[in-house]
Amino acid sequence: MVMTVNEFYLFIRNKLKEHNIPDAEFEAKELCCHWLKIDPHDFLLRRGTDIPFVPDNFTKELSERICGKPLQYILGKWEFYGLPFKVGEGVLIPRPETELIVDLAAKHCGCYSKVLDLCSGSGCIPISISKVTGAKTTAVELSPEAYTYLLYNISLNEVKHLVTPVNADVLQKNVVEGFYDMITSNPPYLTKQDMAELQAEVRREPEMALYGGEDGLDFYRKLFKLYAPHLKEKGVFAVEIGVGQEEQVSAFMKDAGLDTAVITDLNGIKRVVYGIKM
C-alpha cells in the first residue's frame, strides 16, 4: 500500500502519543524527516507526496524512542545556537538554556579574546563562542567518548583555527597555563536526589556529565579555586547551575575574589551565575 508523507507522519505521531511521549507532534516531524531524508523546512510542502521508500530502520528506532532513547541520539545531531552538533551515546545533549552562556560571551568577548571552557562535552559552548565572537577558545573534556564528539564538532563547524581541544580532568591542577578573558563551564550539577528522579531519556545520558555529588556542588567547590587565578583583570567566569544553587555558587565565586551576578532563563529559573575579577 502506498503511503503519503503525511500518513507516515501521523502513524509515528500516534505511536508516540500512545506511549505518552511528550511533544509527540514535534518529535514525529523530526523522526519522519530523519527517516525519509527530508529537509524539515520542506516538510509542509512534502506532506501530500508519496513516500519515496520505506525506511529499513524506522521500526527499530521508533521502538528505541518509545523505550526512552533520546530523540537527539536517534537523529545523531542537534542544533545549538543555530549551529549543528553531532551527538550520541556518551555525550550530554546540548540544551537551550545553556545558550545563555554564549549570549554572555557575545557581550564580553571580541576578536582577540581568549576563552577557556571546562567540561566541554560536545563542544557546544566553546565552538559557539568562537563562531559568534571570533575568540580563541580552549576546550577541556575528560570523557573519551565525549572528547570524540568534541573533535568531530570542531571540524564540523570549521573552527579548528579557533578551538583547541584538551583531553584532561578539569579538577586536576595545571591543566592549562596563561590567562583568559573569560572562563565558562556547564559542569555536572545534579544532586543524588535528582539522579534518582531522572526521566527515562535523561538516564541514557552519561552520569559523568550529570552527577555533581550528593548536593550537586562538588565541581563548583573546586573550579573557582583552580581557575579564577587564570582570569585576567575584568575577566568573566560564567557557569550554568541547577535549580536553587545560585546562592551557594555565588558564595564560592565570591570566595575566589569575583564580583557576582545571576542570569534568569526564559522559564524564570536562575540558570547562570557569573563573576567578574576586580
Protein backbone atom coordinates (compact mmCIF):
# COMPACT_ATOMS: atom_id res chain seq x y z
CA MET A 1 0.00 0.00 0.00
CA VAL A 2 1.31 3.43 -0.98
CA MET A 3 1.62 5.83 1.96
CA THR A 4 1.99 9.60 1.83
CA VAL A 5 4.48 11.54 3.91
CA ASN A 6 1.57 12.85 5.99
CA GLU A 7 0.22 9.36 6.62
CA PHE A 8 3.66 8.20 7.69
CA TYR A 9 3.97 11.23 9.98
CA LEU A 10 0.55 10.51 11.55
CA PHE A 11 1.47 6.88 12.13
CA ILE A 12 4.62 7.94 14.00
CA ARG A 13 2.77 10.65 15.95
CA ASN A 14 0.04 8.27 17.07
CA LYS A 15 2.56 5.65 18.20
CA LEU A 16 4.38 8.28 20.27
CA LYS A 17 1.13 9.55 21.77
CA GLU A 18 0.07 6.00 22.68
CA HIS A 19 3.22 5.74 24.78
CA ASN A 20 2.88 9.21 26.34
CA ILE A 21 5.93 10.71 24.66
CA PRO A 22 5.86 14.50 25.29
CA ASP A 23 5.78 16.80 22.23
CA ALA A 24 4.67 13.91 20.03
CA GLU A 25 3.86 16.22 17.10
CA PHE A 26 7.33 17.81 17.11
CA GLU A 27 9.15 14.52 17.55
CA ALA A 28 7.08 12.80 14.86
CA LYS A 29 8.02 15.53 12.38
CA GLU A 30 11.72 15.27 13.29
CA LEU A 31 11.71 11.48 13.01
CA CYS A 32 9.68 11.49 9.80
CA CYS A 33 12.14 13.89 8.15
CA HIS A 34 15.09 11.92 9.50
CA TRP A 35 13.87 8.57 8.18
CA LEU A 36 12.67 9.91 4.81
CA LYS A 37 15.71 12.18 4.37
CA ILE A 38 13.51 15.25 4.00
CA ASP A 39 14.67 18.75 4.90
CA PRO A 40 12.41 19.81 7.84
CA HIS A 41 11.89 23.16 6.09
CA ASP A 42 10.25 21.27 3.20
CA PHE A 43 8.04 19.10 5.40
CA LEU A 44 4.78 21.01 4.83
CA LEU A 45 5.33 21.04 1.08
CA ARG A 46 6.02 17.30 1.00
CA ARG A 47 3.20 16.08 3.26
CA GLY A 48 0.91 15.16 0.35
CA THR A 49 3.50 13.28 -1.67
CA ASP A 50 4.03 9.54 -1.64
CA ILE A 51 6.95 8.42 0.49
CA PRO A 52 9.94 7.65 -1.73
CA PHE A 53 10.84 4.49 0.17
CA VAL A 54 10.06 2.57 3.34
CA PRO A 55 12.94 3.19 5.78
CA ASP A 56 14.58 -0.05 6.90
CA ASN A 57 15.46 1.20 10.38
CA PHE A 58 12.37 3.13 11.41
CA THR A 59 10.66 0.26 13.28
CA LYS A 60 13.74 -0.42 15.39
CA GLU A 61 14.44 3.24 16.11
CA LEU A 62 10.80 4.01 16.85
CA SER A 63 10.82 1.19 19.42
CA GLU A 64 14.02 2.61 20.91
CA ARG A 65 12.42 6.05 21.23
CA ILE A 66 9.34 4.58 22.91
CA CYS A 67 11.65 2.77 25.34
CA GLY A 68 13.38 6.01 26.34
CA LYS A 69 16.25 6.56 23.93
CA PRO A 70 16.54 10.34 23.46
CA LEU A 71 15.30 11.76 20.18
CA GLN A 72 18.63 13.53 19.72
CA TYR A 73 20.58 10.26 19.91
CA ILE A 74 18.36 8.72 17.25
CA LEU A 75 18.77 11.73 14.97
CA GLY A 76 22.51 11.75 15.69
CA LYS A 77 22.61 15.52 15.69
CA TRP A 78 21.12 18.55 17.43
CA GLU A 79 21.17 22.29 16.93
CA PHE A 80 22.65 24.70 19.47
CA TYR A 81 22.86 28.44 18.93
CA GLY A 82 21.89 27.86 15.32
CA LEU A 83 24.83 25.53 14.75
CA PRO A 84 24.88 21.75 14.07
CA PHE A 85 26.35 19.35 16.63
CA LYS A 86 26.83 15.61 16.35
CA VAL A 87 25.52 13.84 19.46
CA GLY A 88 25.03 10.25 20.57
CA GLU A 89 25.62 7.78 23.37
CA GLY A 90 28.26 9.06 25.76
CA VAL A 91 27.79 12.82 25.38
CA LEU A 92 25.45 15.31 27.03
CA ILE A 93 22.73 16.67 24.75
CA PRO A 94 23.00 20.47 24.26
CA ARG A 95 20.10 22.37 25.82
CA PRO A 96 18.69 25.79 25.00
CA GLU A 97 19.25 27.25 28.49
CA THR A 98 23.00 26.75 28.05
CA GLU A 99 22.86 29.30 25.22
CA LEU A 100 22.72 31.99 27.93
CA ILE A 101 26.46 31.49 28.45
CA VAL A 102 27.11 32.13 24.76
CA ASP A 103 24.92 35.25 24.93
CA LEU A 104 27.05 36.48 27.82
CA ALA A 105 30.25 35.75 25.91
CA ALA A 106 28.95 37.72 22.93
CA LYS A 107 28.74 40.77 25.20
CA HIS A 108 32.19 40.36 26.74
CA CYS A 109 34.39 38.85 24.05
CA GLY A 110 35.94 40.41 21.00
CA CYS A 111 38.02 39.07 18.16
CA TYR A 112 41.18 38.97 20.25
CA SER A 113 39.69 37.34 23.34
CA LYS A 114 40.95 34.12 24.90
CA VAL A 115 38.30 31.83 26.39
CA LEU A 116 38.63 28.66 28.46
CA ASP A 117 35.73 26.20 28.59
CA LEU A 118 35.69 23.45 31.22
CA CYS A 119 33.71 20.16 30.92
CA SER A 120 33.18 20.86 27.22
CA GLY A 121 31.28 17.70 26.25
CA SER A 122 30.06 18.04 22.65
CA GLY A 123 31.81 21.40 22.44
CA CYS A 124 28.60 23.39 22.08
CA ILE A 125 29.76 26.26 24.34
CA PRO A 126 33.34 26.83 23.11
CA ILE A 127 32.51 26.22 19.45
CA SER A 128 29.52 28.58 19.55
CA ILE A 129 31.54 31.28 21.33
CA SER A 130 34.28 31.08 18.72
CA LYS A 131 31.81 31.15 15.81
CA VAL A 132 29.94 34.14 17.26
CA THR A 133 32.81 36.23 18.60
CA GLY A 134 35.94 35.05 16.80
CA ALA A 135 37.56 34.38 20.17
CA LYS A 136 40.19 31.67 20.54
CA THR A 137 38.94 29.03 22.96
CA THR A 138 40.47 26.12 24.80
CA ALA A 139 38.00 23.27 25.38
CA VAL A 140 38.77 20.77 28.17
CA GLU A 141 36.96 17.41 28.35
CA LEU A 142 37.88 14.22 30.21
CA SER A 143 35.49 11.57 28.84
CA PRO A 144 36.98 9.69 25.84
CA GLU A 145 33.51 9.30 24.32
CA ALA A 146 32.60 12.97 24.69
CA TYR A 147 36.06 14.06 23.52
CA THR A 148 35.49 12.21 20.25
CA TYR A 149 32.32 14.24 19.69
CA LEU A 150 34.19 17.43 20.62
CA LEU A 151 36.81 16.77 17.95
CA TYR A 152 34.18 15.93 15.34
CA ASN A 153 32.14 19.07 16.09
CA ILE A 154 35.18 21.33 15.92
CA SER A 155 35.73 20.04 12.39
CA LEU A 156 32.02 20.10 11.51
CA ASN A 157 31.77 23.78 12.43
CA GLU A 158 35.09 24.68 10.80
CA VAL A 159 36.73 26.20 13.88
CA LYS A 160 39.98 24.22 14.04
CA HIS A 161 41.86 27.51 13.81
CA LEU A 162 39.98 28.89 16.83
CA VAL A 163 39.22 25.98 19.19
CA THR A 164 41.97 23.97 20.88
CA PRO A 165 40.74 20.68 22.44
CA VAL A 166 42.36 19.30 25.58
CA ASN A 167 41.64 15.77 26.87
CA ALA A 168 42.11 16.22 30.63
CA ASP A 169 40.45 16.23 34.05
CA VAL A 170 39.41 19.80 34.91
CA LEU A 171 39.65 19.03 38.64
CA GLN A 172 43.39 18.44 38.43
CA LYS A 173 45.93 21.22 38.86
CA ASN A 174 47.94 22.69 36.00
CA VAL A 175 45.57 21.58 33.23
CA VAL A 176 46.06 24.94 31.47
CA GLU A 177 48.55 27.78 31.56
CA GLY A 178 48.26 31.52 31.00
CA PHE A 179 45.39 33.95 31.43
CA TYR A 180 41.94 34.21 29.89
CA ASP A 181 39.39 36.93 29.22
CA MET A 182 36.56 34.51 30.00
CA ILE A 183 36.15 31.09 31.58
CA THR A 184 32.94 29.12 31.03
CA SER A 185 31.56 25.81 32.21
CA ASN A 186 28.43 23.69 32.29
CA PRO A 187 29.69 21.19 34.89
CA PRO A 188 27.76 18.23 36.35
CA TYR A 189 25.36 19.69 38.93
CA LEU A 190 22.58 17.19 39.62
CA THR A 191 22.18 16.04 43.22
CA LYS A 192 21.83 12.48 44.45
CA GLN A 193 18.07 13.02 44.71
CA ASP A 194 17.93 14.50 41.19
CA MET A 195 19.67 11.40 39.82
CA ALA A 196 17.10 9.14 41.47
CA GLU A 197 14.24 11.08 39.85
CA LEU A 198 15.55 11.42 36.28
CA GLN A 199 13.30 10.90 33.28
CA ALA A 200 14.00 7.80 31.22
CA GLU A 201 15.55 9.88 28.41
CA VAL A 202 17.98 11.70 30.72
CA ARG A 203 19.03 8.39 32.29
CA ARG A 204 20.52 7.50 28.89
CA GLU A 205 22.90 10.45 29.05
CA PRO A 206 26.29 9.93 30.71
CA GLU A 207 26.20 10.08 34.51
CA MET A 208 29.67 11.58 34.39
CA ALA A 209 28.17 14.71 32.78
CA LEU A 210 25.21 14.91 35.14
CA TYR A 211 26.09 13.96 38.71
CA GLY A 212 27.67 16.69 40.79
CA GLY A 213 27.88 14.87 44.10
CA GLU A 214 25.35 14.47 46.90
CA ASP A 215 24.40 18.16 46.89
CA GLY A 216 25.35 18.79 43.24
CA LEU A 217 28.07 21.29 44.15
CA ASP A 218 31.27 19.22 44.02
CA PHE A 219 32.60 20.84 40.84
CA TYR A 220 31.81 24.39 41.91
CA ARG A 221 33.73 23.91 45.16
CA LYS A 222 36.90 23.28 43.14
CA LEU A 223 36.59 25.05 39.79
CA PHE A 224 36.77 28.63 41.06
CA LYS A 225 39.75 27.94 43.33
CA LEU A 226 41.63 26.24 40.48
CA TYR A 227 40.76 28.58 37.62
CA ALA A 228 39.91 32.06 38.94
CA PRO A 229 43.70 32.74 39.17
CA HIS A 230 43.78 32.25 35.37
CA LEU A 231 41.35 35.14 34.76
CA LYS A 232 42.65 38.46 33.52
CA GLU A 233 41.59 41.63 35.34
CA LYS A 234 37.92 42.32 34.47
CA GLY A 235 37.73 38.75 33.19
CA VAL A 236 34.42 36.86 33.41
CA PHE A 237 33.79 33.41 34.91
CA ALA A 238 30.37 32.03 33.91
CA VAL A 239 28.78 28.71 34.89
CA GLU A 240 25.43 27.03 34.38
CA ILE A 241 23.75 25.90 37.62
CA GLY A 242 20.91 23.70 38.80
CA VAL A 243 17.65 24.92 40.30
CA GLY A 244 18.20 26.67 43.63
CA GLN A 245 22.00 26.58 43.52
CA GLU A 246 22.57 30.29 42.87
CA GLU A 247 23.33 31.33 46.46
CA GLN A 248 25.90 28.61 47.14
CA VAL A 249 27.61 29.01 43.77
CA SER A 250 27.70 32.79 44.14
CA ALA A 251 29.32 32.35 47.56
CA PHE A 252 32.01 30.08 46.09
CA MET A 253 32.72 32.68 43.41
CA LYS A 254 32.96 35.50 45.95
CA ASP A 255 35.42 33.44 47.99
CA ALA A 256 37.56 33.29 44.85
CA GLY A 257 37.55 37.08 44.58
CA LEU A 258 34.83 37.54 41.96
CA ASP A 259 32.00 40.10 41.92
CA THR A 260 28.92 38.01 41.09
CA ALA A 261 25.60 38.29 39.25
CA VAL A 262 22.86 35.87 38.18
CA ILE A 263 21.03 35.40 34.85
CA THR A 264 17.48 34.02 34.72
CA ASP A 265 16.31 31.82 31.84
CA LEU A 266 13.03 32.08 29.90
CA ASN A 267 11.31 29.79 32.42
CA GLY A 268 12.13 32.13 35.29
CA ILE A 269 14.84 29.82 36.65
CA LYS A 270 18.12 31.32 37.84
CA ARG A 271 20.33 29.42 35.43
CA VAL A 272 23.73 31.13 35.07
CA VAL A 273 25.99 32.62 37.72
CA TYR A 274 28.87 34.75 36.56
CA GLY A 275 31.60 36.68 38.29
CA ILE A 276 33.97 39.44 37.26
CA LYS A 277 37.53 39.58 38.53
CA MET A 278 38.02 43.02 40.07
